[in-house]
Amino acid sequence: MRHGKKFNHLGRKTGHRSAMLSNMACSLIEHKRINTTVAKAKALRVYIEPIITRSKDDSTHSRRMVFRLLKSKLATAELFRDIAPAVADRPGGYTRIIRTEYRLGDNAEMCLMELVDFNELLKNDKGSAKKGRSRRSSKPSAKATTTETPAKKEKTEAKAVAEAVVAPEVEAVVAPEVEVAEIETPTVETPEAKKEETPEKEAPKEEDQDKKES
């Protein structure tokens, strides 16, 4: 009878189940990550994390208790030599389960199980991650706009001096003298101007009148 046993039996007898978990634990210690089903990974997490916690105390008793569960001298030696110093400051949670896909055939949910402290890619990403935005406004404060650092003052002064030296030479080269032809503005003739321009007819002379009469 089950008698309230709530853990996952994984469809195996006790001896088969314990041997499988021991073998998977040795593989995880050796390779630092394994591909398996989600159900087996959850059962393995409960099995291996107390073993890793015990490896923090490097004593003869601890080694014997770990060897009783792992049943491998190589895995026990690597656990105490490589893994225990890396997880010394971590208070539990030594493994990570990443769901990947569904297995072709029985459609079992697969995952990648790995030791947290031995994933170099995630460590590098966390180191180079940018800080999150703060809740403060992005507008510059009044102090930042009014006050200038000495380095900024030096840069502005050097820029002003360079512009003052280069500006006359540039004007002499770039802006040569150009003669601009004068444009004649058209004049509009008004009737009054026309009257002024037309000469008045001269009165006939007296001599001409005498000639005509004769």
N, C-alpha and C. Protein backbone atom coordinates (compact mmCIF):
# COMPACT_ATOMS: atom_id res chain seq x y z
N MET A 1 0.83 -1.21 0.00
CA MET A 1 0.00 0.00 0.00
C MET A 1 0.87 1.26 0.00
N ARG A 2 0.31 2.35 -0.49
CA ARG A 2 1.09 3.59 -0.63
C ARG A 2 1.27 4.27 0.72
N HIS A 3 0.26 4.26 1.57
CA HIS A 3 0.33 4.87 2.89
C HIS A 3 0.75 6.34 2.83
N GLY A 4 0.10 7.10 1.92
CA GLY A 4 0.33 8.55 1.86
C GLY A 4 1.66 8.95 1.28
N LYS A 5 2.27 8.10 0.49
CA LYS A 5 3.54 8.46 -0.15
C LYS A 5 3.21 9.36 -1.35
N LYS A 6 3.58 10.66 -1.25
CA LYS A 6 3.15 11.64 -2.25
C LYS A 6 4.21 11.92 -3.30
N PHE A 7 5.42 11.36 -3.20
CA PHE A 7 6.45 11.64 -4.20
C PHE A 7 6.15 10.84 -5.46
N ASN A 8 6.79 11.24 -6.55
CA ASN A 8 6.57 10.59 -7.84
C ASN A 8 7.39 9.30 -7.91
N HIS A 9 6.72 8.18 -8.10
CA HIS A 9 7.41 6.89 -8.18
C HIS A 9 8.07 6.68 -9.55
N LEU A 10 7.69 7.49 -10.53
CA LEU A 10 8.27 7.42 -11.88
C LEU A 10 8.02 6.06 -12.55
N GLY A 11 6.99 5.36 -12.11
CA GLY A 11 6.64 4.07 -12.74
C GLY A 11 7.68 2.99 -12.52
N ARG A 12 8.42 3.04 -11.41
CA ARG A 12 9.49 2.08 -11.16
C ARG A 12 9.40 1.57 -9.73
N LYS A 13 10.02 0.43 -9.52
CA LYS A 13 10.15 -0.10 -8.16
C LYS A 13 11.19 0.70 -7.39
N THR A 14 11.28 0.46 -6.09
CA THR A 14 12.18 1.26 -5.25
C THR A 14 13.64 1.11 -5.66
N GLY A 15 14.08 -0.12 -5.90
CA GLY A 15 15.48 -0.34 -6.27
C GLY A 15 15.81 0.29 -7.61
N HIS A 16 14.91 0.14 -8.58
CA HIS A 16 15.12 0.74 -9.90
C HIS A 16 15.15 2.26 -9.83
N ARG A 17 14.25 2.82 -9.05
CA ARG A 17 14.17 4.28 -8.93
C ARG A 17 15.43 4.84 -8.28
N SER A 18 15.88 4.24 -7.19
CA SER A 18 17.06 4.76 -6.50
C SER A 18 18.32 4.61 -7.36
N ALA A 19 18.45 3.53 -8.11
CA ALA A 19 19.60 3.34 -8.99
C ALA A 19 19.60 4.36 -10.12
N MET A 20 18.41 4.64 -10.66
CA MET A 20 18.31 5.63 -11.74
C MET A 20 18.69 7.02 -11.24
N LEU A 21 18.19 7.43 -10.07
CA LEU A 21 18.50 8.75 -9.54
C LEU A 21 19.98 8.87 -9.19
N SER A 22 20.58 7.78 -8.68
CA SER A 22 22.01 7.79 -8.37
C SER A 22 22.83 7.97 -9.64
N ASN A 23 22.44 7.27 -10.69
CA ASN A 23 23.15 7.38 -11.97
C ASN A 23 23.00 8.78 -12.57
N MET A 24 21.81 9.35 -12.50
CA MET A 24 21.59 10.70 -13.03
C MET A 24 22.35 11.74 -12.21
N ALA A 25 22.44 11.56 -10.90
CA ALA A 25 23.18 12.49 -10.06
C ALA A 25 24.67 12.46 -10.42
N CYS A 26 25.22 11.27 -10.66
CA CYS A 26 26.63 11.18 -11.06
C CYS A 26 26.87 11.86 -12.40
N SER A 27 25.92 11.70 -13.34
CA SER A 27 26.06 12.34 -14.65
C SER A 27 25.99 13.86 -14.52
N LEU A 28 25.11 14.37 -13.66
CA LEU A 28 25.00 15.82 -13.47
C LEU A 28 26.27 16.38 -12.83
N ILE A 29 26.85 15.66 -11.89
CA ILE A 29 28.09 16.12 -11.26
C ILE A 29 29.24 16.12 -12.26
N GLU A 30 29.26 15.12 -13.11
CA GLU A 30 30.38 15.01 -14.06
C GLU A 30 30.27 16.01 -15.20
N HIS A 31 29.07 16.14 -15.79
CA HIS A 31 28.90 16.98 -16.99
C HIS A 31 28.32 18.36 -16.68
N LYS A 32 27.85 18.59 -15.47
CA LYS A 32 27.28 19.88 -15.01
C LYS A 32 25.93 20.19 -15.63
N ARG A 33 25.46 19.44 -16.62
CA ARG A 33 24.12 19.61 -17.20
C ARG A 33 23.72 18.34 -17.93
N ILE A 34 22.43 18.01 -17.87
CA ILE A 34 21.91 16.81 -18.53
C ILE A 34 20.54 17.14 -19.13
N ASN A 35 20.17 16.39 -20.16
CA ASN A 35 18.84 16.49 -20.76
C ASN A 35 18.01 15.32 -20.27
N THR A 36 16.82 15.61 -19.74
CA THR A 36 15.94 14.57 -19.23
C THR A 36 14.51 15.09 -19.25
N THR A 37 13.58 14.28 -18.75
CA THR A 37 12.19 14.73 -18.68
C THR A 37 12.00 15.61 -17.45
N VAL A 38 10.93 16.39 -17.47
CA VAL A 38 10.66 17.30 -16.36
C VAL A 38 10.36 16.52 -15.08
N ALA A 39 9.64 15.40 -15.19
CA ALA A 39 9.30 14.60 -14.00
C ALA A 39 10.55 14.03 -13.34
N LYS A 40 11.48 13.53 -14.15
CA LYS A 40 12.72 12.98 -13.58
C LYS A 40 13.60 14.10 -13.01
N ALA A 41 13.59 15.26 -13.67
CA ALA A 41 14.41 16.37 -13.18
C ALA A 41 13.91 16.85 -11.82
N LYS A 42 12.61 16.92 -11.63
CA LYS A 42 12.07 17.34 -10.34
C LYS A 42 12.41 16.32 -9.24
N ALA A 43 12.35 15.03 -9.59
CA ALA A 43 12.72 14.01 -8.61
C ALA A 43 14.22 14.05 -8.30
N LEU A 44 15.03 14.32 -9.33
CA LEU A 44 16.48 14.40 -9.13
C LEU A 44 16.87 15.61 -8.29
N ARG A 45 16.13 16.70 -8.44
CA ARG A 45 16.45 17.90 -7.66
C ARG A 45 16.29 17.63 -6.16
N VAL A 46 15.23 16.91 -5.81
CA VAL A 46 15.03 16.56 -4.40
C VAL A 46 16.11 15.60 -3.91
N TYR A 47 16.66 14.81 -4.82
CA TYR A 47 17.66 13.80 -4.46
C TYR A 47 19.05 14.39 -4.32
N ILE A 48 19.45 15.30 -5.24
CA ILE A 48 20.85 15.73 -5.28
C ILE A 48 21.14 16.97 -4.44
N GLU A 49 20.17 17.82 -4.20
CA GLU A 49 20.48 19.06 -3.47
C GLU A 49 20.89 18.80 -2.02
N PRO A 50 20.29 17.86 -1.31
CA PRO A 50 20.83 17.54 0.03
C PRO A 50 22.25 16.96 -0.02
N ILE A 51 22.58 16.26 -1.11
CA ILE A 51 23.94 15.73 -1.26
C ILE A 51 24.93 16.87 -1.43
N ILE A 52 24.60 17.88 -2.25
CA ILE A 52 25.49 19.02 -2.45
C ILE A 52 25.64 19.82 -1.16
N THR A 53 24.55 19.96 -0.39
CA THR A 53 24.65 20.66 0.89
C THR A 53 25.59 19.93 1.85
N ARG A 54 25.54 18.61 1.86
CA ARG A 54 26.43 17.84 2.72
C ARG A 54 27.88 17.95 2.28
N SER A 55 28.12 18.17 0.98
CA SER A 55 29.50 18.24 0.50
C SER A 55 30.22 19.51 0.97
N LYS A 56 29.49 20.50 1.50
CA LYS A 56 30.14 21.71 2.00
C LYS A 56 31.00 21.41 3.23
N ASP A 57 30.64 20.38 3.95
CA ASP A 57 31.43 19.95 5.11
C ASP A 57 32.34 18.81 4.66
N ASP A 58 33.60 19.13 4.38
CA ASP A 58 34.53 18.13 3.86
C ASP A 58 35.13 17.33 5.01
N SER A 59 34.40 16.29 5.40
CA SER A 59 34.88 15.40 6.46
C SER A 59 34.71 13.95 6.00
N THR A 60 35.32 13.06 6.75
CA THR A 60 35.23 11.63 6.39
C THR A 60 33.80 11.14 6.46
N HIS A 61 33.08 11.57 7.46
CA HIS A 61 31.69 11.14 7.61
C HIS A 61 30.84 11.63 6.43
N SER A 62 31.05 12.90 6.05
CA SER A 62 30.28 13.44 4.92
C SER A 62 30.60 12.68 3.63
N ARG A 63 31.84 12.36 3.40
CA ARG A 63 32.21 11.64 2.19
C ARG A 63 31.58 10.24 2.17
N ARG A 64 31.53 9.60 3.31
CA ARG A 64 30.94 8.26 3.36
C ARG A 64 29.43 8.32 3.11
N MET A 65 28.76 9.33 3.66
CA MET A 65 27.31 9.46 3.47
C MET A 65 26.99 9.78 2.00
N VAL A 66 27.82 10.61 1.37
CA VAL A 66 27.61 10.95 -0.04
C VAL A 66 27.89 9.73 -0.92
N PHE A 67 28.96 9.01 -0.61
CA PHE A 67 29.30 7.83 -1.41
C PHE A 67 28.22 6.75 -1.31
N ARG A 68 27.51 6.69 -0.17
CA ARG A 68 26.44 5.72 -0.01
C ARG A 68 25.30 5.97 -0.99
N LEU A 69 25.09 7.24 -1.35
CA LEU A 69 24.01 7.59 -2.28
C LEU A 69 24.48 7.60 -3.73
N LEU A 70 25.69 8.10 -3.98
CA LEU A 70 26.18 8.20 -5.37
C LEU A 70 26.75 6.87 -5.89
N LYS A 71 27.40 6.12 -5.01
CA LYS A 71 27.99 4.82 -5.38
C LYS A 71 29.05 4.97 -6.48
N SER A 72 29.79 6.11 -6.46
CA SER A 72 30.84 6.35 -7.44
C SER A 72 31.94 7.16 -6.77
N LYS A 73 33.16 6.61 -6.77
CA LYS A 73 34.29 7.32 -6.17
C LYS A 73 34.65 8.57 -6.97
N LEU A 74 34.60 8.47 -8.30
CA LEU A 74 34.96 9.62 -9.14
C LEU A 74 33.99 10.78 -8.94
N ALA A 75 32.68 10.47 -8.91
CA ALA A 75 31.68 11.51 -8.72
C ALA A 75 31.80 12.13 -7.33
N THR A 76 32.06 11.32 -6.32
CA THR A 76 32.22 11.84 -4.96
C THR A 76 33.43 12.76 -4.85
N ALA A 77 34.56 12.35 -5.46
CA ALA A 77 35.77 13.17 -5.41
C ALA A 77 35.56 14.49 -6.15
N GLU A 78 34.91 14.46 -7.31
CA GLU A 78 34.68 15.71 -8.06
C GLU A 78 33.71 16.62 -7.33
N LEU A 79 32.74 16.03 -6.65
CA LEU A 79 31.79 16.84 -5.89
C LEU A 79 32.49 17.62 -4.79
N PHE A 80 33.34 16.98 -4.03
CA PHE A 80 34.02 17.66 -2.93
C PHE A 80 35.16 18.56 -3.43
N ARG A 81 35.75 18.23 -4.58
CA ARG A 81 36.90 19.00 -5.06
C ARG A 81 36.49 20.23 -5.86
N ASP A 82 35.51 20.11 -6.77
CA ASP A 82 35.17 21.20 -7.71
C ASP A 82 33.86 21.91 -7.36
N ILE A 83 32.82 21.16 -7.05
CA ILE A 83 31.50 21.76 -6.90
C ILE A 83 31.33 22.41 -5.52
N ALA A 84 31.81 21.75 -4.48
CA ALA A 84 31.61 22.28 -3.12
C ALA A 84 32.20 23.68 -2.95
N PRO A 85 33.43 23.98 -3.41
CA PRO A 85 33.93 25.36 -3.26
C PRO A 85 33.12 26.39 -4.05
N ALA A 86 32.56 25.98 -5.20
CA ALA A 86 31.81 26.93 -6.02
C ALA A 86 30.47 27.30 -5.40
N VAL A 87 29.86 26.38 -4.65
CA VAL A 87 28.54 26.63 -4.06
C VAL A 87 28.63 26.92 -2.57
N ALA A 88 29.80 27.25 -2.09
CA ALA A 88 29.98 27.43 -0.65
C ALA A 88 29.13 28.57 -0.10
N ASP A 89 28.94 29.64 -0.88
CA ASP A 89 28.18 30.81 -0.41
C ASP A 89 26.72 30.76 -0.81
N ARG A 90 26.28 29.71 -1.46
CA ARG A 90 24.89 29.65 -1.92
C ARG A 90 24.05 28.84 -0.93
N PRO A 91 22.99 29.42 -0.36
CA PRO A 91 22.18 28.70 0.63
C PRO A 91 21.06 27.87 0.00
N GLY A 92 21.40 26.92 -0.84
CA GLY A 92 20.38 26.09 -1.50
C GLY A 92 20.11 26.56 -2.92
N GLY A 93 19.28 25.80 -3.63
CA GLY A 93 18.95 26.15 -5.01
C GLY A 93 20.14 26.00 -5.93
N TYR A 94 20.77 24.83 -5.90
CA TYR A 94 22.01 24.62 -6.68
C TYR A 94 21.73 24.24 -8.14
N THR A 95 20.49 23.84 -8.46
CA THR A 95 20.18 23.36 -9.81
C THR A 95 19.13 24.26 -10.45
N ARG A 96 19.10 24.18 -11.78
CA ARG A 96 18.14 24.95 -12.57
C ARG A 96 17.51 24.03 -13.60
N ILE A 97 16.19 24.13 -13.77
CA ILE A 97 15.45 23.32 -14.75
C ILE A 97 14.93 24.25 -15.83
N ILE A 98 15.35 24.02 -17.07
CA ILE A 98 14.93 24.84 -18.21
C ILE A 98 14.13 23.95 -19.16
N ARG A 99 12.87 24.22 -19.32
CA ARG A 99 12.02 23.40 -20.21
C ARG A 99 12.39 23.69 -21.66
N THR A 100 12.52 22.65 -22.47
CA THR A 100 12.98 22.82 -23.84
C THR A 100 11.90 22.48 -24.87
N GLU A 101 11.45 21.22 -24.93
CA GLU A 101 10.53 20.79 -25.98
C GLU A 101 9.80 19.53 -25.53
N TYR A 102 9.01 18.98 -26.45
CA TYR A 102 8.30 17.73 -26.19
C TYR A 102 8.94 16.62 -27.01
N ARG A 103 9.16 15.49 -26.38
CA ARG A 103 9.87 14.39 -27.02
C ARG A 103 9.01 13.76 -28.11
N LEU A 104 9.64 13.47 -29.25
CA LEU A 104 8.93 12.84 -30.35
C LEU A 104 8.67 11.38 -29.99
N GLY A 105 7.43 10.95 -30.09
CA GLY A 105 7.08 9.56 -29.77
C GLY A 105 6.04 9.53 -28.67
N ASP A 106 6.45 9.80 -27.43
CA ASP A 106 5.49 9.79 -26.32
C ASP A 106 5.09 11.19 -25.87
N ASN A 107 5.63 12.24 -26.52
CA ASN A 107 5.27 13.64 -26.24
C ASN A 107 5.57 14.02 -24.79
N ALA A 108 6.63 13.43 -24.24
CA ALA A 108 7.02 13.78 -22.87
C ALA A 108 7.68 15.16 -22.86
N GLU A 109 7.43 15.93 -21.81
CA GLU A 109 7.99 17.27 -21.70
C GLU A 109 9.46 17.16 -21.29
N MET A 110 10.36 17.68 -22.14
CA MET A 110 11.79 17.57 -21.91
C MET A 110 12.32 18.87 -21.30
N CYS A 111 13.50 18.77 -20.69
CA CYS A 111 14.10 19.94 -20.07
C CYS A 111 15.61 19.77 -20.00
N LEU A 112 16.30 20.86 -19.72
CA LEU A 112 17.74 20.87 -19.48
C LEU A 112 17.94 21.18 -18.00
N MET A 113 18.59 20.27 -17.30
CA MET A 113 18.87 20.47 -15.88
C MET A 113 20.37 20.73 -15.73
N GLU A 114 20.72 21.80 -15.02
CA GLU A 114 22.13 22.17 -14.90
C GLU A 114 22.41 22.73 -13.52
N LEU A 115 23.69 22.76 -13.18
CA LEU A 115 24.14 23.40 -11.95
C LEU A 115 24.26 24.90 -12.18
N VAL A 116 23.69 25.67 -11.27
CA VAL A 116 23.58 27.11 -11.47
C VAL A 116 24.95 27.78 -11.59
N ASP A 117 25.89 27.38 -10.77
CA ASP A 117 27.17 28.08 -10.69
C ASP A 117 28.14 27.69 -11.79
N PHE A 118 27.73 26.84 -12.71
CA PHE A 118 28.64 26.39 -13.77
C PHE A 118 28.14 26.76 -15.15
N ASN A 119 27.29 27.75 -15.24
CA ASN A 119 26.83 28.28 -16.53
C ASN A 119 27.55 29.60 -16.78
N GLU A 120 28.60 29.56 -17.61
CA GLU A 120 29.43 30.74 -17.83
C GLU A 120 28.71 31.82 -18.63
N LEU A 121 27.80 31.42 -19.54
CA LEU A 121 27.11 32.40 -20.37
C LEU A 121 26.23 33.32 -19.54
N LEU A 122 25.47 32.73 -18.60
CA LEU A 122 24.60 33.56 -17.77
C LEU A 122 25.40 34.44 -16.83
N LYS A 123 26.55 33.98 -16.37
CA LYS A 123 27.40 34.79 -15.51
C LYS A 123 27.89 36.03 -16.25
N ASN A 124 28.33 35.84 -17.52
CA ASN A 124 28.82 36.97 -18.31
C ASN A 124 27.71 37.95 -18.62
N ASP A 125 26.49 37.43 -18.90
CA ASP A 125 25.37 38.32 -19.20
C ASP A 125 25.00 39.17 -18.00
N LYS A 126 25.04 38.57 -16.79
CA LYS A 126 24.71 39.35 -15.60
C LYS A 126 25.75 40.42 -15.33
N GLY A 127 27.01 40.11 -15.62
CA GLY A 127 28.07 41.09 -15.38
C GLY A 127 27.97 42.28 -16.29
N SER A 128 27.55 42.04 -17.56
CA SER A 128 27.48 43.12 -18.53
C SER A 128 26.09 43.72 -18.67
N ALA A 129 25.15 43.31 -17.81
CA ALA A 129 23.78 43.83 -17.92
C ALA A 129 23.75 45.29 -17.48
N LYS A 130 22.91 46.08 -18.15
CA LYS A 130 22.79 47.49 -17.83
C LYS A 130 21.84 47.65 -16.64
N LYS A 131 22.04 48.76 -15.91
CA LYS A 131 21.18 49.04 -14.78
C LYS A 131 19.81 49.47 -15.28
N GLY A 132 18.78 49.12 -14.49
CA GLY A 132 17.43 49.51 -14.85
C GLY A 132 17.21 50.99 -14.68
N ARG A 133 16.18 51.50 -15.34
CA ARG A 133 15.88 52.92 -15.25
C ARG A 133 15.30 53.25 -13.89
N SER A 134 15.69 54.35 -13.33
CA SER A 134 15.16 54.79 -12.05
C SER A 134 13.85 55.54 -12.28
N ARG A 135 13.16 55.77 -11.20
CA ARG A 135 11.87 56.45 -11.29
C ARG A 135 12.01 57.96 -11.36
N ARG A 136 13.21 58.47 -11.22
CA ARG A 136 13.39 59.91 -11.30
C ARG A 136 13.23 60.39 -12.73
N SER A 137 12.88 61.65 -12.87
CA SER A 137 12.67 62.20 -14.20
C SER A 137 13.99 62.28 -14.94
N SER A 138 13.89 62.17 -16.27
CA SER A 138 15.09 62.20 -17.10
C SER A 138 15.56 63.61 -17.41
N LYS A 139 14.81 64.63 -16.96
CA LYS A 139 15.20 66.01 -17.24
C LYS A 139 16.41 66.38 -16.39
N PRO A 140 17.36 67.13 -16.94
CA PRO A 140 18.53 67.54 -16.13
C PRO A 140 18.12 68.55 -15.08
N SER A 141 18.71 68.45 -13.93
CA SER A 141 18.40 69.36 -12.84
C SER A 141 18.97 70.75 -13.12
N ALA A 142 18.52 71.72 -12.32
CA ALA A 142 18.99 73.10 -12.51
C ALA A 142 20.46 73.22 -12.20
N LYS A 143 20.94 72.48 -11.19
CA LYS A 143 22.35 72.52 -10.85
C LYS A 143 23.21 71.99 -11.98
N ALA A 144 22.72 70.93 -12.62
CA ALA A 144 23.51 70.33 -13.70
C ALA A 144 23.64 71.27 -14.88
N THR A 145 22.59 72.10 -15.12
CA THR A 145 22.64 73.01 -16.27
C THR A 145 23.49 74.25 -15.97
N THR A 146 23.43 74.74 -14.73
CA THR A 146 24.14 75.98 -14.42
C THR A 146 25.62 75.74 -14.15
N THR A 147 25.92 74.74 -13.36
CA THR A 147 27.32 74.50 -12.97
C THR A 147 28.01 73.66 -14.02
N GLU A 148 29.25 73.98 -14.30
CA GLU A 148 30.06 73.24 -15.24
C GLU A 148 31.30 72.73 -14.54
N THR A 149 31.70 71.55 -14.91
CA THR A 149 32.91 70.97 -14.33
C THR A 149 34.12 71.64 -14.95
N PRO A 150 35.27 71.61 -14.26
CA PRO A 150 36.48 72.23 -14.83
C PRO A 150 36.90 71.62 -16.15
N ALA A 151 36.66 70.31 -16.30
CA ALA A 151 37.04 69.68 -17.57
C ALA A 151 36.21 70.25 -18.72
N LYS A 152 34.90 70.47 -18.48
CA LYS A 152 34.05 71.03 -19.52
C LYS A 152 34.46 72.47 -19.85
N LYS A 153 34.84 73.24 -18.81
CA LYS A 153 35.27 74.61 -19.05
C LYS A 153 36.52 74.66 -19.91
N GLU A 154 37.46 73.77 -19.64
CA GLU A 154 38.69 73.73 -20.44
C GLU A 154 38.37 73.40 -21.90
N LYS A 155 37.46 72.44 -22.10
CA LYS A 155 37.10 72.06 -23.47
C LYS A 155 36.46 73.23 -24.21
N THR A 156 35.55 73.94 -23.56
CA THR A 156 34.87 75.07 -24.21
C THR A 156 35.85 76.19 -24.53
N GLU A 157 36.79 76.47 -23.60
CA GLU A 157 37.78 77.52 -23.86
C GLU A 157 38.69 77.15 -25.03
N ALA A 158 39.14 75.88 -25.05
CA ALA A 158 40.00 75.45 -26.16
C ALA A 158 39.26 75.53 -27.48
N LYS A 159 37.97 75.19 -27.48
CA LYS A 159 37.17 75.25 -28.71
C LYS A 159 37.02 76.69 -29.19
N ALA A 160 36.80 77.62 -28.24
CA ALA A 160 36.65 79.02 -28.61
C ALA A 160 37.94 79.58 -29.20
N VAL A 161 39.07 79.22 -28.60
CA VAL A 161 40.36 79.69 -29.12
C VAL A 161 40.61 79.16 -30.51
N ALA A 162 40.32 77.87 -30.73
CA ALA A 162 40.53 77.28 -32.05
C ALA A 162 39.65 77.95 -33.10
N GLU A 163 38.40 78.25 -32.76
CA GLU A 163 37.51 78.92 -33.71
C GLU A 163 38.02 80.33 -34.02
N ALA A 164 38.53 81.03 -33.00
CA ALA A 164 39.02 82.39 -33.22
C ALA A 164 40.25 82.42 -34.12
N VAL A 165 41.09 81.40 -34.03
CA VAL A 165 42.30 81.35 -34.86
C VAL A 165 41.97 80.94 -36.28
N VAL A 166 41.09 79.99 -36.45
CA VAL A 166 40.82 79.42 -37.77
C VAL A 166 39.83 80.26 -38.56
N ALA A 167 38.95 81.02 -37.87
CA ALA A 167 37.87 81.70 -38.55
C ALA A 167 38.32 82.69 -39.62
N PRO A 168 39.32 83.58 -39.37
CA PRO A 168 39.72 84.53 -40.42
C PRO A 168 40.27 83.86 -41.65
N GLU A 169 41.09 82.81 -41.47
CA GLU A 169 41.65 82.10 -42.62
C GLU A 169 40.56 81.47 -43.45
N VAL A 170 39.59 80.90 -42.79
CA VAL A 170 38.50 80.25 -43.53
C VAL A 170 37.71 81.27 -44.32
N GLU A 171 37.47 82.44 -43.72
CA GLU A 171 36.71 83.47 -44.42
C GLU A 171 37.48 83.96 -45.65
N ALA A 172 38.83 84.08 -45.51
CA ALA A 172 39.62 84.57 -46.63
C ALA A 172 39.63 83.57 -47.77
N VAL A 173 39.60 82.31 -47.45
CA VAL A 173 39.68 81.30 -48.52
C VAL A 173 38.31 81.01 -49.10
N VAL A 174 37.35 80.89 -48.23
CA VAL A 174 36.04 80.39 -48.67
C VAL A 174 35.20 81.50 -49.27
N ALA A 175 35.33 82.72 -48.75
CA ALA A 175 34.44 83.79 -49.18
C ALA A 175 35.21 84.84 -49.97
N PRO A 176 35.56 84.60 -51.26
CA PRO A 176 36.22 85.61 -52.08
C PRO A 176 35.26 86.74 -52.45
N GLU A 177 35.84 87.87 -52.87
CA GLU A 177 35.00 89.01 -53.23
C GLU A 177 34.30 88.74 -54.56
N VAL A 178 33.06 89.01 -54.60
CA VAL A 178 32.26 88.78 -55.80
C VAL A 178 31.58 90.08 -56.16
N GLU A 179 31.76 90.51 -57.42
CA GLU A 179 31.12 91.74 -57.87
C GLU A 179 29.68 91.45 -58.24
N VAL A 180 28.84 92.23 -57.67
CA VAL A 180 27.41 92.05 -57.91
C VAL A 180 26.95 93.15 -58.86
N ALA A 181 26.41 92.73 -59.98
CA ALA A 181 25.94 93.72 -60.96
C ALA A 181 24.69 94.40 -60.45
N GLU A 182 24.66 95.72 -60.72
CA GLU A 182 23.48 96.46 -60.28
C GLU A 182 22.31 96.14 -61.20
N ILE A 183 21.21 95.97 -60.61
CA ILE A 183 20.00 95.62 -61.35
C ILE A 183 19.16 96.88 -61.47
N GLU A 184 18.86 97.21 -62.72
CA GLU A 184 18.06 98.42 -62.95
C GLU A 184 16.61 98.13 -62.62
N THR A 185 16.09 98.97 -61.82
CA THR A 185 14.69 98.80 -61.44
C THR A 185 13.83 99.46 -62.50
N PRO A 186 12.84 98.78 -62.96
CA PRO A 186 11.98 99.37 -64.00
C PRO A 186 11.19 100.55 -63.45
N THR A 187 11.13 101.59 -64.27
CA THR A 187 10.37 102.79 -63.86
C THR A 187 9.01 102.76 -64.52
N VAL A 188 8.05 103.18 -63.76
CA VAL A 188 6.66 103.20 -64.26
C VAL A 188 6.34 104.63 -64.65
N GLU A 189 5.92 104.82 -65.89
CA GLU A 189 5.61 106.16 -66.39
C GLU A 189 4.19 106.53 -66.03
N THR A 190 4.04 107.64 -65.40
CA THR A 190 2.72 108.16 -65.03
C THR A 190 2.29 109.20 -66.05
N PRO A 191 1.03 109.49 -66.15
CA PRO A 191 0.58 110.52 -67.11
C PRO A 191 1.17 111.89 -66.85
N GLU A 192 1.41 112.22 -65.58
CA GLU A 192 2.01 113.52 -65.27
C GLU A 192 3.42 113.61 -65.81
N ALA A 193 4.17 112.48 -65.68
CA ALA A 193 5.55 112.47 -66.18
C ALA A 193 5.56 112.63 -67.69
N LYS A 194 4.56 112.01 -68.37
CA LYS A 194 4.50 112.12 -69.83
C LYS A 194 4.27 113.58 -70.25
N LYS A 195 3.42 114.27 -69.50
CA LYS A 195 3.16 115.67 -69.83
C LYS A 195 4.43 116.49 -69.69
N GLU A 196 5.20 116.19 -68.65
CA GLU A 196 6.43 116.95 -68.45
C GLU A 196 7.45 116.68 -69.55
N GLU A 197 7.49 115.43 -70.01
CA GLU A 197 8.48 115.07 -71.03
C GLU A 197 8.14 115.68 -72.39
N THR A 198 6.84 115.75 -72.74
CA THR A 198 6.47 116.28 -74.07
C THR A 198 6.71 117.79 -74.09
N PRO A 199 7.56 118.30 -75.01
CA PRO A 199 7.84 119.76 -75.06
C PRO A 199 6.65 120.52 -75.62
N GLU A 200 6.44 121.69 -75.08
CA GLU A 200 5.33 122.51 -75.56
C GLU A 200 5.69 123.11 -76.94
N LYS A 201 4.69 123.18 -77.74
CA LYS A 201 4.92 123.73 -79.09
C LYS A 201 5.23 125.23 -78.97
N GLU A 202 6.33 125.60 -79.67
CA GLU A 202 6.74 127.01 -79.63
C GLU A 202 5.79 127.88 -80.48
N ALA A 203 5.58 129.03 -80.01
CA ALA A 203 4.70 129.95 -80.75
C ALA A 203 5.38 130.39 -82.04
N PRO A 204 4.64 130.50 -83.09
CA PRO A 204 5.27 130.90 -84.36
C PRO A 204 5.83 132.30 -84.27
N LYS A 205 6.97 132.46 -84.86
CA LYS A 205 7.62 133.77 -84.82
C LYS A 205 6.88 134.80 -85.68
N GLU A 206 7.14 136.05 -85.36
CA GLU A 206 6.44 137.13 -86.08
C GLU A 206 6.90 137.19 -87.53
N GLU A 207 8.19 136.85 -87.75
CA GLU A 207 8.69 136.90 -89.12
C GLU A 207 7.98 135.90 -90.01
N ASP A 208 7.79 134.75 -89.49
CA ASP A 208 7.09 133.72 -90.27
C ASP A 208 5.68 134.15 -90.59
N GLN A 209 5.03 134.81 -89.65
CA GLN A 209 3.66 135.27 -89.90
C GLN A 209 3.66 136.31 -91.02
N ASP A 210 4.64 137.21 -91.06
CA ASP A 210 4.69 138.24 -92.10
C ASP A 210 4.88 137.63 -93.46
N LYS A 211 5.71 136.59 -93.52
CA LYS A 211 5.97 135.91 -94.80
C LYS A 211 4.69 135.28 -95.32
N LYS A 212 3.98 134.70 -94.41
CA LYS A 212 2.74 134.06 -94.83
C LYS A 212 1.71 135.08 -95.36
N GLU A 213 1.65 136.24 -94.72
CA GLU A 213 0.68 137.27 -95.14
C GLU A 213 1.03 137.82 -96.53
N SER A 214 2.38 138.01 -96.78
CA SER A 214 2.79 138.51 -98.07
C SER A 214 2.61 137.47 -99.13
